[in-house]
Amino acid sequence: HIPVLICGMTCGWAWGGTLGVVLPLLRMAL
């Protein structure tokens, strides 16, 4: 949750939302 919350606040909603979708799915795959 920490990097996603930081990303939303610093990079904006589109990047924050994208990171939120990608991060758990990529960690699951890897």
PDB file of all heavy atoms in Angstrom:
ATOM      1  N   HIS A   1       0.813  -1.209   0.000  1.00  0.00           N
ATOM      2  CA  HIS A   1       0.000   0.000   0.000  1.00  0.00           C
ATOM      3  C   HIS A   1       0.850   1.264   0.000  1.00  0.00           C
ATOM      4  O   HIS A   1       0.473   2.280  -0.595  1.00  0.00           O
ATOM      5  CB  HIS A   1      -0.918   0.021   1.221  1.00  0.00           C
ATOM      6  CG  HIS A   1      -1.903  -1.106   1.253  1.00  0.00           C
ATOM      7  ND1 HIS A   1      -1.539  -2.421   1.216  1.00  0.00           N
ATOM      8  CD2 HIS A   1      -3.249  -1.093   1.351  1.00  0.00           C
ATOM      9  CE1 HIS A   1      -2.613  -3.185   1.275  1.00  0.00           C
ATOM     10  NE2 HIS A   1      -3.668  -2.399   1.349  1.00  0.00           N
ATOM     11  N   ILE A   2       2.002   1.219   0.665  1.00  0.00           N
ATOM     12  CA  ILE A   2       2.824   2.420   0.856  1.00  0.00           C
ATOM     13  C   ILE A   2       3.257   3.035  -0.479  1.00  0.00           C
ATOM     14  O   ILE A   2       3.024   4.234  -0.704  1.00  0.00           O
ATOM     15  CB  ILE A   2       4.024   2.112   1.773  1.00  0.00           C
ATOM     16  CG1 ILE A   2       3.510   1.772   3.182  1.00  0.00           C
ATOM     17  CG2 ILE A   2       4.997   3.282   1.818  1.00  0.00           C
ATOM     18  CD1 ILE A   2       4.564   1.205   4.118  1.00  0.00           C
ATOM     19  N   PRO A   3       3.880   2.285  -1.397  1.00  0.00           N
ATOM     20  CA  PRO A   3       4.287   2.927  -2.655  1.00  0.00           C
ATOM     21  C   PRO A   3       3.108   3.433  -3.481  1.00  0.00           C
ATOM     22  O   PRO A   3       3.227   4.457  -4.168  1.00  0.00           O
ATOM     23  CB  PRO A   3       5.050   1.840  -3.413  1.00  0.00           C
ATOM     24  CG  PRO A   3       5.051   0.631  -2.578  1.00  0.00           C
ATOM     25  CD  PRO A   3       4.333   0.906  -1.311  1.00  0.00           C
ATOM     26  N   VAL A   4       1.976   2.749  -3.410  1.00  0.00           N
ATOM     27  CA  VAL A   4       0.809   3.182  -4.190  1.00  0.00           C
ATOM     28  C   VAL A   4       0.268   4.497  -3.634  1.00  0.00           C
ATOM     29  O   VAL A   4      -0.058   5.414  -4.390  1.00  0.00           O
ATOM     30  CB  VAL A   4      -0.278   2.088  -4.214  1.00  0.00           C
ATOM     31  CG1 VAL A   4      -1.538   2.588  -4.879  1.00  0.00           C
ATOM     32  CG2 VAL A   4       0.247   0.843  -4.920  1.00  0.00           C
ATOM     33  N   LEU A   5       0.175   4.608  -2.310  1.00  0.00           N
ATOM     34  CA  LEU A   5      -0.303   5.850  -1.698  1.00  0.00           C
ATOM     35  C   LEU A   5       0.643   7.004  -2.024  1.00  0.00           C
ATOM     36  O   LEU A   5       0.204   8.109  -2.354  1.00  0.00           O
ATOM     37  CB  LEU A   5      -0.450   5.673  -0.186  1.00  0.00           C
ATOM     38  CG  LEU A   5      -1.556   4.724   0.262  1.00  0.00           C
ATOM     39  CD1 LEU A   5      -1.393   4.351   1.732  1.00  0.00           C
ATOM     40  CD2 LEU A   5      -2.933   5.318   0.005  1.00  0.00           C
ATOM     41  N   ILE A   6       1.943   6.748  -1.941  1.00  0.00           N
ATOM     42  CA  ILE A   6       2.927   7.785  -2.280  1.00  0.00           C
ATOM     43  C   ILE A   6       2.808   8.168  -3.748  1.00  0.00           C
ATOM     44  O   ILE A   6       2.837   9.355  -4.097  1.00  0.00           O
ATOM     45  CB  ILE A   6       4.356   7.301  -1.949  1.00  0.00           C
ATOM     46  CG1 ILE A   6       4.528   7.164  -0.432  1.00  0.00           C
ATOM     47  CG2 ILE A   6       5.406   8.254  -2.521  1.00  0.00           C
ATOM     48  CD1 ILE A   6       5.795   6.446  -0.008  1.00  0.00           C
ATOM     49  N   CYS A   7       2.659   7.179  -4.608  1.00  0.00           N
ATOM     50  CA  CYS A   7       2.561   7.438  -6.048  1.00  0.00           C
ATOM     51  C   CYS A   7       1.344   8.300  -6.369  1.00  0.00           C
ATOM     52  O   CYS A   7       1.450   9.256  -7.147  1.00  0.00           O
ATOM     53  CB  CYS A   7       2.504   6.122  -6.815  1.00  0.00           C
ATOM     54  SG  CYS A   7       2.566   6.328  -8.604  1.00  0.00           S
ATOM     55  N   GLY A   8       0.197   7.976  -5.801  1.00  0.00           N
ATOM     56  CA  GLY A   8      -0.998   8.770  -6.060  1.00  0.00           C
ATOM     57  C   GLY A   8      -0.812  10.224  -5.659  1.00  0.00           C
ATOM     58  O   GLY A   8      -1.196  11.141  -6.391  1.00  0.00           O
ATOM     59  N   MET A   9      -0.168  10.429  -4.497  1.00  0.00           N
ATOM     60  CA  MET A   9       0.006  11.798  -3.997  1.00  0.00           C
ATOM     61  C   MET A   9       1.097  12.558  -4.745  1.00  0.00           C
ATOM     62  O   MET A   9       1.032  13.792  -4.820  1.00  0.00           O
ATOM     63  CB  MET A   9       0.314  11.780  -2.502  1.00  0.00           C
ATOM     64  CG  MET A   9      -0.856  11.278  -1.681  1.00  0.00           C
ATOM     65  SD  MET A   9      -0.492  11.189   0.071  1.00  0.00           S
ATOM     66  CE  MET A   9      -1.018  12.817   0.557  1.00  0.00           C
ATOM     67  N   THR A  10       2.082  11.857  -5.280  1.00  0.00           N
ATOM     68  CA  THR A  10       3.196  12.559  -5.921  1.00  0.00           C
ATOM     69  C   THR A  10       3.156  12.548  -7.440  1.00  0.00           C
ATOM     70  O   THR A  10       3.648  13.478  -8.075  1.00  0.00           O
ATOM     71  CB  THR A  10       4.548  11.973  -5.462  1.00  0.00           C
ATOM     72  OG1 THR A  10       4.595  10.589  -5.790  1.00  0.00           O
ATOM     73  CG2 THR A  10       4.759  12.168  -3.972  1.00  0.00           C
ATOM     74  N   CYS A  11       2.579  11.506  -8.017  1.00  0.00           N
ATOM     75  CA  CYS A  11       2.586  11.376  -9.482  1.00  0.00           C
ATOM     76  C   CYS A  11       1.217  11.586 -10.104  1.00  0.00           C
ATOM     77  O   CYS A  11       1.097  11.671 -11.317  1.00  0.00           O
ATOM     78  CB  CYS A  11       3.108   9.992  -9.883  1.00  0.00           C
ATOM     79  SG  CYS A  11       4.776   9.662  -9.315  1.00  0.00           S
ATOM     80  N   GLY A  12       0.177  11.625  -9.286  1.00  0.00           N
ATOM     81  CA  GLY A  12      -1.168  11.856  -9.800  1.00  0.00           C
ATOM     82  C   GLY A  12      -2.000  10.597  -9.854  1.00  0.00           C
ATOM     83  O   GLY A  12      -1.517   9.481  -9.658  1.00  0.00           O
ATOM     84  N   TRP A  13      -3.280  10.790 -10.129  1.00  0.00           N
ATOM     85  CA  TRP A  13      -4.244   9.691 -10.046  1.00  0.00           C
ATOM     86  C   TRP A  13      -4.023   8.605 -11.090  1.00  0.00           C
ATOM     87  O   TRP A  13      -4.195   7.428 -10.813  1.00  0.00           O
ATOM     88  CB  TRP A  13      -5.672  10.231 -10.122  1.00  0.00           C
ATOM     89  CG  TRP A  13      -6.051  10.775 -11.464  1.00  0.00           C
ATOM     90  CD1 TRP A  13      -5.919  12.061 -11.890  1.00  0.00           C
ATOM     91  CD2 TRP A  13      -6.624  10.050 -12.549  1.00  0.00           C
ATOM     92  NE1 TRP A  13      -6.364  12.183 -13.181  1.00  0.00           N
ATOM     93  CE2 TRP A  13      -6.811  10.960 -13.610  1.00  0.00           C
ATOM     94  CE3 TRP A  13      -6.997   8.718 -12.732  1.00  0.00           C
ATOM     95  CZ2 TRP A  13      -7.353  10.582 -14.828  1.00  0.00           C
ATOM     96  CZ3 TRP A  13      -7.536   8.341 -13.949  1.00  0.00           C
ATOM     97  CH2 TRP A  13      -7.713   9.266 -14.983  1.00  0.00           C
ATOM     98  N   ALA A  14      -3.637   8.974 -12.320  1.00  0.00           N
ATOM     99  CA  ALA A  14      -3.485   7.973 -13.377  1.00  0.00           C
ATOM    100  C   ALA A  14      -2.319   7.030 -13.080  1.00  0.00           C
ATOM    101  O   ALA A  14      -2.458   5.807 -13.176  1.00  0.00           O
ATOM    102  CB  ALA A  14      -3.290   8.646 -14.726  1.00  0.00           C
ATOM    103  N   TRP A  15      -1.179   7.585 -12.679  1.00  0.00           N
ATOM    104  CA  TRP A  15      -0.027   6.755 -12.353  1.00  0.00           C
ATOM    105  C   TRP A  15      -0.269   5.979 -11.065  1.00  0.00           C
ATOM    106  O   TRP A  15       0.117   4.814 -10.958  1.00  0.00           O
ATOM    107  CB  TRP A  15       1.240   7.598 -12.250  1.00  0.00           C
ATOM    108  CG  TRP A  15       1.725   8.068 -13.581  1.00  0.00           C
ATOM    109  CD1 TRP A  15       1.708   9.349 -14.050  1.00  0.00           C
ATOM    110  CD2 TRP A  15       2.273   7.267 -14.626  1.00  0.00           C
ATOM    111  NE1 TRP A  15       2.209   9.391 -15.321  1.00  0.00           N
ATOM    112  CE2 TRP A  15       2.580   8.124 -15.704  1.00  0.00           C
ATOM    113  CE3 TRP A  15       2.541   5.909 -14.761  1.00  0.00           C
ATOM    114  CZ2 TRP A  15       3.131   7.667 -16.889  1.00  0.00           C
ATOM    115  CZ3 TRP A  15       3.101   5.449 -15.950  1.00  0.00           C
ATOM    116  CH2 TRP A  15       3.383   6.330 -16.992  1.00  0.00           C
ATOM    117  N   GLY A  16      -0.893   6.626 -10.089  1.00  0.00           N
ATOM    118  CA  GLY A  16      -1.195   5.930  -8.837  1.00  0.00           C
ATOM    119  C   GLY A  16      -2.134   4.759  -9.051  1.00  0.00           C
ATOM    120  O   GLY A  16      -1.927   3.667  -8.512  1.00  0.00           O
ATOM    121  N   GLY A  17      -3.165   4.958  -9.856  1.00  0.00           N
ATOM    122  CA  GLY A  17      -4.102   3.878 -10.150  1.00  0.00           C
ATOM    123  C   GLY A  17      -3.453   2.756 -10.939  1.00  0.00           C
ATOM    124  O   GLY A  17      -3.683   1.573 -10.676  1.00  0.00           O
ATOM    125  N   THR A  18      -2.610   3.129 -11.899  1.00  0.00           N
ATOM    126  CA  THR A  18      -1.907   2.120 -12.700  1.00  0.00           C
ATOM    127  C   THR A  18      -0.973   1.288 -11.824  1.00  0.00           C
ATOM    128  O   THR A  18      -0.956   0.057 -11.922  1.00  0.00           O
ATOM    129  CB  THR A  18      -1.116   2.795 -13.836  1.00  0.00           C
ATOM    130  OG1 THR A  18      -2.033   3.545 -14.648  1.00  0.00           O
ATOM    131  CG2 THR A  18      -0.381   1.780 -14.682  1.00  0.00           C
ATOM    132  N   LEU A  19      -0.212   1.959 -10.977  1.00  0.00           N
ATOM    133  CA  LEU A  19       0.680   1.226 -10.070  1.00  0.00           C
ATOM    134  C   LEU A  19      -0.125   0.317  -9.147  1.00  0.00           C
ATOM    135  O   LEU A  19       0.286  -0.816  -8.877  1.00  0.00           O
ATOM    136  CB  LEU A  19       1.531   2.196  -9.243  1.00  0.00           C
ATOM    137  CG  LEU A  19       2.513   1.534  -8.270  1.00  0.00           C
ATOM    138  CD1 LEU A  19       3.553   0.709  -9.015  1.00  0.00           C
ATOM    139  CD2 LEU A  19       3.180   2.592  -7.403  1.00  0.00           C
ATOM    140  N   GLY A  20      -1.275   0.794  -8.700  1.00  0.00           N
ATOM    141  CA  GLY A  20      -2.120  -0.008  -7.826  1.00  0.00           C
ATOM    142  C   GLY A  20      -2.592  -1.300  -8.469  1.00  0.00           C
ATOM    143  O   GLY A  20      -2.706  -2.327  -7.799  1.00  0.00           O
ATOM    144  N   VAL A  21      -2.865  -1.270  -9.752  1.00  0.00           N
ATOM    145  CA  VAL A  21      -3.296  -2.485 -10.466  1.00  0.00           C
ATOM    146  C   VAL A  21      -2.094  -3.385 -10.740  1.00  0.00           C
ATOM    147  O   VAL A  21      -2.143  -4.602 -10.522  1.00  0.00           O
ATOM    148  CB  VAL A  21      -4.004  -2.128 -11.793  1.00  0.00           C
ATOM    149  CG1 VAL A  21      -4.223  -3.366 -12.644  1.00  0.00           C
ATOM    150  CG2 VAL A  21      -5.320  -1.430 -11.519  1.00  0.00           C
ATOM    151  N   VAL A  22      -1.011  -2.802 -11.212  1.00  0.00           N
ATOM    152  CA  VAL A  22       0.133  -3.583 -11.674  1.00  0.00           C
ATOM    153  C   VAL A  22       0.895  -4.243 -10.529  1.00  0.00           C
ATOM    154  O   VAL A  22       1.289  -5.416 -10.628  1.00  0.00           O
ATOM    155  CB  VAL A  22       1.083  -2.689 -12.509  1.00  0.00           C
ATOM    156  CG1 VAL A  22       2.411  -3.361 -12.788  1.00  0.00           C
ATOM    157  CG2 VAL A  22       0.399  -2.260 -13.799  1.00  0.00           C
ATOM    158  N   LEU A  23       1.101  -3.530  -9.439  1.00  0.00           N
ATOM    159  CA  LEU A  23       1.982  -4.005  -8.373  1.00  0.00           C
ATOM    160  C   LEU A  23       1.565  -5.357  -7.780  1.00  0.00           C
ATOM    161  O   LEU A  23       2.385  -6.282  -7.754  1.00  0.00           O
ATOM    162  CB  LEU A  23       2.124  -2.935  -7.290  1.00  0.00           C
ATOM    163  CG  LEU A  23       3.108  -3.223  -6.172  1.00  0.00           C
ATOM    164  CD1 LEU A  23       4.502  -3.526  -6.704  1.00  0.00           C
ATOM    165  CD2 LEU A  23       3.158  -2.035  -5.223  1.00  0.00           C
ATOM    166  N   PRO A  24       0.335  -5.540  -7.310  1.00  0.00           N
ATOM    167  CA  PRO A  24       0.014  -6.857  -6.730  1.00  0.00           C
ATOM    168  C   PRO A  24       0.000  -7.983  -7.762  1.00  0.00           C
ATOM    169  O   PRO A  24       0.387  -9.116  -7.449  1.00  0.00           O
ATOM    170  CB  PRO A  24      -1.367  -6.664  -6.097  1.00  0.00           C
ATOM    171  CG  PRO A  24      -1.952  -5.490  -6.784  1.00  0.00           C
ATOM    172  CD  PRO A  24      -0.795  -4.619  -7.180  1.00  0.00           C
ATOM    173  N   LEU A  25      -0.404  -7.677  -8.990  1.00  0.00           N
ATOM    174  CA  LEU A  25      -0.444  -8.708 -10.014  1.00  0.00           C
ATOM    175  C   LEU A  25       0.975  -9.107 -10.459  1.00  0.00           C
ATOM    176  O   LEU A  25       1.260 -10.290 -10.683  1.00  0.00           O
ATOM    177  CB  LEU A  25      -1.274  -8.248 -11.207  1.00  0.00           C
ATOM    178  CG  LEU A  25      -2.744  -7.919 -10.890  1.00  0.00           C
ATOM    179  CD1 LEU A  25      -3.456  -7.418 -12.132  1.00  0.00           C
ATOM    180  CD2 LEU A  25      -3.457  -9.108 -10.278  1.00  0.00           C
ATOM    181  N   LEU A  26       1.864  -8.135 -10.554  1.00  0.00           N
ATOM    182  CA  LEU A  26       3.245  -8.427 -10.913  1.00  0.00           C
ATOM    183  C   LEU A  26       3.951  -9.198  -9.799  1.00  0.00           C
ATOM    184  O   LEU A  26       4.672 -10.156 -10.059  1.00  0.00           O
ATOM    185  CB  LEU A  26       3.997  -7.133 -11.231  1.00  0.00           C
ATOM    186  CG  LEU A  26       5.427  -7.282 -11.744  1.00  0.00           C
ATOM    187  CD1 LEU A  26       5.480  -8.128 -13.012  1.00  0.00           C
ATOM    188  CD2 LEU A  26       6.032  -5.904 -11.995  1.00  0.00           C
ATOM    189  N   ARG A  27       3.713  -8.813  -8.547  1.00  0.00           N
ATOM    190  CA  ARG A  27       4.296  -9.557  -7.427  1.00  0.00           C
ATOM    191  C   ARG A  27       3.762 -10.981  -7.388  1.00  0.00           C
ATOM    192  O   ARG A  27       4.491 -11.915  -7.074  1.00  0.00           O
ATOM    193  CB  ARG A  27       4.000  -8.860  -6.102  1.00  0.00           C
ATOM    194  CG  ARG A  27       5.096  -7.893  -5.712  1.00  0.00           C
ATOM    195  CD  ARG A  27       5.006  -7.498  -4.256  1.00  0.00           C
ATOM    196  NE  ARG A  27       6.132  -7.914  -3.478  1.00  0.00           N
ATOM    197  CZ  ARG A  27       6.451  -9.129  -3.069  1.00  0.00           C
ATOM    198  NH1 ARG A  27       5.738 -10.126  -3.364  1.00  0.00           N
ATOM    199  NH2 ARG A  27       7.494  -9.372  -2.336  1.00  0.00           N
ATOM    200  N   MET A  28       2.490 -11.146  -7.688  1.00  0.00           N
ATOM    201  CA  MET A  28       1.914 -12.487  -7.716  1.00  0.00           C
ATOM    202  C   MET A  28       2.598 -13.320  -8.810  1.00  0.00           C
ATOM    203  O   MET A  28       2.964 -14.470  -8.583  1.00  0.00           O
ATOM    204  CB  MET A  28       0.410 -12.423  -7.976  1.00  0.00           C
ATOM    205  CG  MET A  28      -0.262 -13.793  -8.084  1.00  0.00           C
ATOM    206  SD  MET A  28      -1.952 -13.701  -8.682  1.00  0.00           S
ATOM    207  CE  MET A  28      -1.697 -13.203 -10.377  1.00  0.00           C
ATOM    208  N   ALA A  29       2.787 -12.728  -9.980  1.00  0.00           N
ATOM    209  CA  ALA A  29       3.405 -13.452 -11.097  1.00  0.00           C
ATOM    210  C   ALA A  29       4.872 -13.780 -10.821  1.00  0.00           C
ATOM    211  O   ALA A  29       5.334 -14.863 -11.161  1.00  0.00           O
ATOM    212  CB  ALA A  29       3.286 -12.630 -12.375  1.00  0.00           C
ATOM    213  N   LEU A  30       5.585 -12.854 -10.193  1.00  0.00           N
ATOM    214  CA  LEU A  30       7.012 -13.054  -9.956  1.00  0.00           C
ATOM    215  C   LEU A  30       7.322 -13.892  -8.721  1.00  0.00           C
ATOM    216  O   LEU A  30       8.234 -14.717  -8.736  1.00  0.00           O
ATOM    217  CB  LEU A  30       7.723 -11.701  -9.825  1.00  0.00           C
ATOM    218  CG  LEU A  30       7.774 -10.826 -11.066  1.00  0.00           C
ATOM    219  CD1 LEU A  30       8.371  -9.464 -10.729  1.00  0.00           C
ATOM    220  CD2 LEU A  30       8.566 -11.497 -12.168  1.00  0.00           C
TER     221      LEU A  30
END
